[in-house]
Protein backbone atom coordinates (compact mmCIF):
# COMPACT_ATOMS: atom_id res chain seq x y z
CA MET A 1 -8.00 -10.75 21.52
CA SER A 2 -7.62 -14.25 19.82
CA LEU A 3 -8.26 -12.27 16.40
CA VAL A 4 -5.51 -9.91 16.81
CA LEU A 5 -3.11 -12.68 17.92
CA ASN A 6 -3.92 -14.66 15.26
CA SER A 7 -3.77 -12.18 12.40
CA ILE A 8 -1.56 -9.08 13.56
CA PHE A 9 0.95 -10.86 15.55
CA PRO A 10 2.20 -13.22 13.00
CA ILE A 11 2.34 -10.31 10.38
CA PHE A 12 4.42 -8.03 12.73
CA ALA A 13 6.51 -10.95 14.03
CA LEU A 14 7.78 -11.74 10.55
CA ILE A 15 8.84 -8.04 9.90
CA ALA A 16 10.60 -8.19 13.43
CA CYS A 17 12.48 -11.12 12.14
CA GLY A 18 13.38 -9.38 9.08
CA PHE A 19 14.29 -6.49 10.91
CA PHE A 20 16.53 -8.33 13.42
CA GLY A 21 18.33 -10.08 10.51
CA GLY A 22 19.06 -7.05 8.86
CA ARG A 23 20.23 -4.96 11.84
CA ARG A 24 22.40 -8.15 13.00
CA GLN A 25 23.83 -8.30 9.33
CA LEU A 26 22.42 -11.94 9.19
CA VAL A 27 20.62 -10.77 5.90
CA SER A 28 22.83 -8.16 3.61
CA ALA A 29 21.15 -5.19 2.11
CA ALA A 30 21.64 -6.93 -1.32
CA ALA A 31 19.78 -10.21 0.07
CA ALA A 32 16.99 -8.08 1.26
CA LYS A 33 16.48 -6.24 -2.17
CA GLY A 34 16.62 -9.50 -3.87
CA LEU A 35 13.97 -10.89 -1.75
CA SER A 36 11.87 -7.96 -2.22
CA ASP A 37 12.40 -8.04 -5.95
CA PHE A 38 11.39 -11.77 -5.77
CA VAL A 39 8.33 -10.76 -3.93
CA TYR A 40 7.31 -7.64 -6.30
CA TYR A 41 8.40 -9.28 -9.90
CA LEU A 42 7.23 -12.77 -9.14
CA ALA A 43 5.24 -14.08 -6.24
CA VAL A 44 2.83 -11.02 -5.84
CA PRO A 45 2.09 -10.91 -9.61
CA ALA A 46 1.52 -14.79 -9.49
CA LEU A 47 -0.76 -14.45 -6.48
CA LEU A 48 -3.03 -11.65 -8.05
CA PHE A 49 -3.15 -13.54 -11.39
CA ARG A 50 -4.23 -16.78 -10.00
CA THR A 51 -7.12 -15.22 -7.93
CA LEU A 52 -8.43 -12.94 -10.52
CA ALA A 53 -8.36 -15.75 -12.96
CA THR A 54 -10.58 -17.84 -10.91
CA THR A 55 -12.90 -15.34 -9.26
CA ASP A 56 -16.41 -14.38 -10.26
CA LEU A 57 -16.39 -10.64 -10.91
CA ALA A 58 -19.02 -8.04 -10.85
CA LEU A 59 -16.96 -5.01 -12.05
CA GLU A 60 -19.65 -2.63 -12.67
CA GLN A 61 -20.76 -2.66 -9.08
CA ASP A 62 -17.18 -3.14 -7.78
CA LEU A 63 -16.03 0.07 -9.52
CA SER A 64 -17.93 2.13 -6.96
CA LEU A 65 -15.31 0.78 -4.27
CA PRO A 66 -12.24 2.49 -5.94
CA LEU A 67 -14.39 5.65 -6.74
CA GLY A 68 -15.08 5.93 -3.09
CA TYR A 69 -11.71 5.06 -1.59
CA PHE A 70 -9.96 7.50 -3.86
CA GLY A 71 -12.36 10.27 -3.27
CA ALA A 72 -11.61 10.11 0.45
CA THR A 73 -7.99 9.32 -0.25
CA ILE A 74 -7.36 12.54 -2.69
CA LEU A 75 -9.24 14.62 0.19
CA VAL A 76 -6.97 13.44 3.03
CA PHE A 77 -4.00 14.06 0.46
CA ALA A 78 -4.96 17.76 -0.05
CA LEU A 79 -5.59 18.29 3.83
CA ALA A 80 -2.16 16.91 4.56
CA ALA A 81 -0.35 18.89 1.76
CA LEU A 82 -2.00 22.17 2.81
CA GLY A 83 -2.50 21.94 6.09
CA GLY A 84 0.87 20.14 7.11
CA GLY A 85 2.64 22.40 4.80
CA THR A 86 1.23 25.59 6.35
CA ILE A 87 2.05 24.52 9.87
CA PHE A 88 5.39 23.41 9.20
CA GLN A 89 6.44 25.96 6.60
CA VAL A 90 7.87 23.47 4.01
CA THR A 91 8.40 24.19 0.15
CA ARG A 92 5.48 23.56 -2.25
CA SER A 93 7.27 20.55 -3.79
CA GLU A 94 7.72 18.99 -0.15
CA ARG A 95 4.13 19.31 0.35
CA ALA A 96 3.49 16.58 -2.36
CA LEU A 97 5.62 14.21 -0.20
CA GLN A 98 3.55 15.13 2.83
CA GLY A 99 0.51 14.24 0.91
CA MET A 100 1.87 10.85 -0.13
CA SER A 101 3.03 10.17 3.33
CA ALA A 102 -0.27 10.43 4.59
CA THR A 103 -2.35 8.47 1.98
CA TYR A 104 0.01 5.96 0.30
CA SER A 105 -0.64 2.57 2.07
CA ASN A 106 1.86 -0.42 2.21
CA THR A 107 -0.79 -2.47 0.17
CA VAL A 108 1.62 -5.13 -1.21
CA LEU A 109 4.04 -5.97 1.53
CA VAL A 110 1.51 -5.45 4.50
CA GLY A 111 -1.71 -5.33 3.05
CA ILE A 112 -1.96 -8.49 0.96
CA PRO A 113 -0.51 -10.63 3.85
CA LEU A 114 -3.11 -8.87 6.27
CA VAL A 115 -6.18 -9.07 4.19
CA LEU A 116 -5.34 -12.86 3.49
CA ALA A 117 -5.12 -13.55 7.15
CA ILE A 118 -8.25 -11.75 8.22
CA PHE A 119 -10.60 -12.19 5.12
CA GLY A 120 -9.10 -15.00 3.37
CA ASP A 121 -9.09 -15.10 -0.52
CA ALA A 122 -12.33 -13.28 -0.63
CA GLY A 123 -10.64 -10.20 0.70
CA LEU A 124 -8.07 -10.21 -2.22
CA VAL A 125 -10.87 -8.76 -4.55
CA PRO A 126 -11.74 -5.63 -3.19
CA LEU A 127 -7.99 -5.08 -2.34
CA MET A 128 -6.92 -5.61 -5.88
CA LEU A 129 -9.46 -3.13 -7.27
CA ILE A 130 -7.82 -0.67 -4.91
CA ILE A 131 -4.31 -1.77 -5.89
CA THR A 132 -5.12 -1.25 -9.37
CA PHE A 133 -5.47 2.31 -9.30
CA HIS A 134 -3.39 3.17 -6.21
CA SER A 135 0.11 3.93 -7.73
CA ALA A 136 -1.47 5.66 -10.93
CA VAL A 137 -3.58 8.07 -8.66
CA LEU A 138 -1.08 8.84 -5.90
CA PHE A 139 2.10 8.95 -8.03
CA SER A 140 0.44 11.01 -10.54
CA LEU A 141 -1.06 13.33 -7.94
CA THR A 142 2.27 13.62 -6.45
CA VAL A 143 4.04 14.40 -9.73
CA VAL A 144 1.63 17.16 -10.34
CA VAL A 145 2.23 18.69 -6.96
CA VAL A 146 6.07 18.52 -6.86
CA GLU A 147 6.43 19.86 -10.46
CA PHE A 148 3.69 22.54 -9.87
CA GLY A 149 5.80 23.63 -6.92
CA ARG A 150 8.97 23.68 -9.08
CA GLY A 151 7.41 25.84 -11.53
CA GLY A 152 5.87 23.32 -13.62
CA GLN A 153 8.78 23.06 -16.29
CA ARG A 154 9.01 19.48 -16.16
CA LEU A 155 5.24 18.63 -15.40
CA TRP A 156 4.32 17.12 -18.76
CA PRO A 157 7.16 15.23 -19.33
CA ALA A 158 6.95 13.78 -15.79
CA LEU A 159 3.05 13.00 -16.31
CA ALA A 160 3.98 11.45 -19.57
CA ARG A 161 6.29 8.86 -18.05
CA VAL A 162 3.26 7.80 -15.38
CA PRO A 163 1.49 5.38 -18.06
CA LYS A 164 4.80 3.80 -19.13
CA ALA A 165 5.93 3.18 -15.66
CA LEU A 166 2.55 1.37 -14.96
CA ALA A 167 2.67 -0.38 -18.24
CA VAL A 168 5.76 -2.38 -17.12
CA ASN A 169 4.66 -2.63 -13.34
CA PRO A 170 4.57 -6.30 -12.32
CA VAL A 171 1.74 -6.08 -10.05
CA ILE A 172 -0.44 -4.08 -12.62
CA LEU A 173 0.55 -6.68 -15.39
CA GLY A 174 -0.25 -9.71 -12.94
CA LEU A 175 -3.70 -7.87 -12.32
CA LEU A 176 -4.29 -7.29 -16.00
CA ALA A 177 -3.31 -10.86 -16.79
CA GLY A 178 -5.86 -12.45 -14.55
CA LEU A 179 -8.62 -9.98 -15.72
CA ALA A 180 -8.01 -11.07 -19.07
CA TYR A 181 -8.07 -14.71 -18.20
CA ASN A 182 -11.10 -14.54 -16.30
CA PHE A 183 -12.82 -12.70 -19.27
CA SER A 184 -11.88 -15.47 -21.71
CA GLY A 185 -14.10 -17.91 -19.80
CA LEU A 186 -11.37 -20.78 -19.82
CA PRO A 187 -10.79 -22.83 -16.91
CA LEU A 188 -7.31 -22.48 -15.52
CA PRO A 189 -5.22 -25.67 -16.23
CA LEU A 190 -4.33 -27.63 -13.04
CA ALA A 191 -0.54 -27.42 -13.58
CA LEU A 192 -0.92 -23.36 -13.76
CA ASP A 193 -3.21 -23.36 -11.00
CA ARG A 194 -0.77 -25.21 -9.01
CA PHE A 195 2.09 -23.15 -10.02
CA THR A 196 0.89 -19.96 -9.62
CA GLY A 197 -0.54 -21.26 -6.25
CA LEU A 198 2.91 -22.38 -4.91
CA LEU A 199 4.59 -19.17 -6.34
CA GLY A 200 1.91 -16.79 -4.68
CA SER A 201 1.78 -18.59 -1.48
CA ALA A 202 5.54 -17.42 -0.97
CA SER A 203 4.55 -13.55 -1.21
CA ALA A 204 3.15 -13.25 2.26
CA PRO A 205 6.04 -14.26 4.44
CA CYS A 206 8.93 -13.14 1.99
CA ALA A 207 7.13 -9.80 1.63
CA LEU A 208 6.98 -9.34 5.38
CA PHE A 209 10.49 -10.51 5.93
CA ALA A 210 11.76 -8.27 3.10
CA LEU A 211 10.30 -5.18 4.39
CA GLY A 212 11.65 -5.66 7.91
CA ALA A 213 15.18 -6.29 6.50
CA SER A 214 14.60 -3.02 4.15
CA MET A 215 13.63 -0.94 7.35
CA ALA A 216 16.83 -1.95 9.29
CA SER A 217 18.62 0.49 7.01
CA PHE A 218 16.26 3.29 7.96
CA LYS A 219 17.11 5.82 10.51
CA LEU A 220 14.79 8.53 12.21
CA GLY A 221 15.70 11.96 10.94
CA GLY A 222 13.85 15.36 9.94
CA ASN A 223 11.21 16.93 11.78
CA LEU A 224 9.73 14.36 14.20
CA LYS A 225 6.77 16.51 15.20
CA GLU A 226 5.79 16.76 11.60
CA VAL A 227 6.27 12.93 10.86
CA CYS A 228 4.10 12.32 14.20
CA LEU A 229 1.59 14.46 12.78
CA LEU A 230 1.40 12.93 9.28
CA THR A 231 1.43 9.32 10.86
CA PHE A 232 -1.76 10.31 12.91
CA VAL A 233 -3.42 11.48 9.52
CA LYS A 234 -2.26 8.05 7.80
CA LEU A 235 -3.26 5.76 10.55
CA VAL A 236 -6.37 7.50 12.04
CA LEU A 237 -7.59 10.28 9.72
CA HIS A 238 -7.27 8.20 6.44
CA PRO A 239 -9.13 5.14 7.77
CA LEU A 240 -11.69 7.36 9.27
CA LEU A 241 -12.60 9.39 6.29
CA VAL A 242 -12.72 6.16 4.15
CA ALA A 243 -15.00 4.27 6.66
CA LEU A 244 -17.51 7.53 6.36
CA THR A 245 -17.14 7.53 2.58
CA MET A 246 -18.11 3.72 2.51
CA VAL A 247 -21.01 4.07 4.95
CA TYR A 248 -22.62 7.24 3.85
CA VAL A 249 -21.47 7.96 0.04
CA VAL A 250 -20.95 4.82 -1.63
CA ASP A 251 -23.14 1.56 -1.72
CA VAL A 252 -20.49 -1.59 -1.54
CA PRO A 253 -20.70 -5.03 0.32
CA ARG A 254 -19.72 -4.87 3.91
CA LEU A 255 -16.59 -6.94 3.19
CA TYR A 256 -15.56 -4.52 0.63
CA ALA A 257 -15.91 -1.58 2.84
CA ALA A 258 -14.09 -3.63 5.56
CA VAL A 259 -10.92 -4.14 3.21
CA ALA A 260 -10.99 -0.45 2.26
CA VAL A 261 -11.03 0.67 5.74
CA LEU A 262 -8.06 -1.86 6.62
CA THR A 263 -6.16 -0.60 3.42
CA ALA A 264 -6.55 2.94 4.40
CA ALA A 265 -5.28 2.21 7.77
CA LEU A 266 -2.02 0.45 6.48
CA PRO A 267 1.18 2.29 7.40
CA ALA A 268 2.93 4.19 4.74
CA GLY A 269 4.57 2.18 1.88
CA ILE A 270 8.48 2.19 1.07
CA ASN A 271 7.43 3.97 -2.32
CA VAL A 272 6.97 7.11 -0.21
CA PHE A 273 10.40 6.94 0.57
CA ILE A 274 11.42 5.82 -3.01
CA SER A 275 9.88 8.91 -4.20
CA ALA A 276 11.42 11.12 -1.86
CA LYS A 277 14.87 9.72 -2.96
CA GLY A 278 14.09 10.25 -6.54
CA TYR A 279 13.32 13.99 -6.23
CA GLU A 280 16.20 14.50 -3.44
CA ILE A 281 13.59 16.04 -1.32
CA TYR A 282 11.92 15.22 2.04
CA VAL A 283 14.32 12.08 2.36
CA ALA A 284 14.98 11.75 6.28
CA ARG A 285 11.06 12.58 6.97
CA ALA A 286 10.05 9.94 4.37
CA ALA A 287 12.20 7.39 5.98
CA SER A 288 11.16 8.20 9.56
CA MET A 289 7.37 8.04 8.13
CA VAL A 290 7.79 4.61 6.94
CA LEU A 291 9.21 3.52 10.08
CA ILE A 292 7.21 5.15 12.46
CA SER A 293 3.78 4.57 11.13
CA THR A 294 4.92 0.71 10.63
CA LEU A 295 5.68 0.61 14.43
CA LEU A 296 2.64 2.72 15.39
CA SER A 297 0.33 0.45 12.91
CA ILE A 298 0.75 -2.31 15.38
CA VAL A 299 -1.35 -0.55 17.72
CA THR A 300 -3.91 0.91 15.62
CA LEU A 301 -4.39 -2.11 13.36
CA SER A 302 -4.94 -4.10 16.33
CA PHE A 303 -7.91 -1.93 17.57
CA LEU A 304 -9.16 -1.87 13.99
CA VAL A 305 -9.12 -5.72 13.63
CA ILE A 306 -10.82 -6.13 17.01
CA TYR A 307 -13.70 -3.73 15.75
CA LEU A 308 -14.08 -5.50 12.58
CA GLY A 309 -14.29 -8.73 14.44
CA MET A 310 -17.19 -7.49 16.53
CA GLN A 311 -19.29 -6.72 13.12
């Protein structure tokens, strides 16, 4: 229980502070966006750069982690899109957002602070291996299913934009810069180490507060039975299949397996809502999915942390 209080409670308490500040208009929507941009464009890239630049890596062995994680994740995506689409009679394009809702974890705003709280800096290495491919795999898969549902007229132009979007993604750039510096074999200068350390240390509290403030503008809407089913898939089925894959399919260290399962158990990321807004489909249900999965993950993540603490 102390592990839950020491790791889970501070994280969701910060989210609650942000939510309260947003609801009471102590923090404006513009301020919340500015804080989110600071986290996304500066603090998190600095944290990832410093961690990768100063960590011993064995990438040949480590690549089995993302292969196993995304193998299970794509299976869950397909199950959610096909099964959920059949049950609730949604359009083929909307099935893409069902799949994304059930698999796209909030790796940056919740994942990084939670992994740091439970596993320390060592847990960031496997998490970053997942983050490296996370957006590329799930955004591309969502684009394919949406455009296929629309008849495929815009499929190839849409897919062609994915590499460009990833190339200017600050999180990916931070990861690649850290890898490049690591491979150079040069020690990190003390001034640069302290600068990225200070900037990166702001990522966790600012990310959680910004998430809460952003969620203050979300409203429940759409088919809530559908949202609740997809929330169950995201918080229970997704981590369960990833756990089975880590145990029976791939050979990874116990720490890597634990981080993978914890990542799969995270609530749906805000990018699910952003993608729905971009396509102007599934918007109300996507917002509800982010809000409900974040609230319920307080319970599911607590049980998972207790279980991991017993191992």
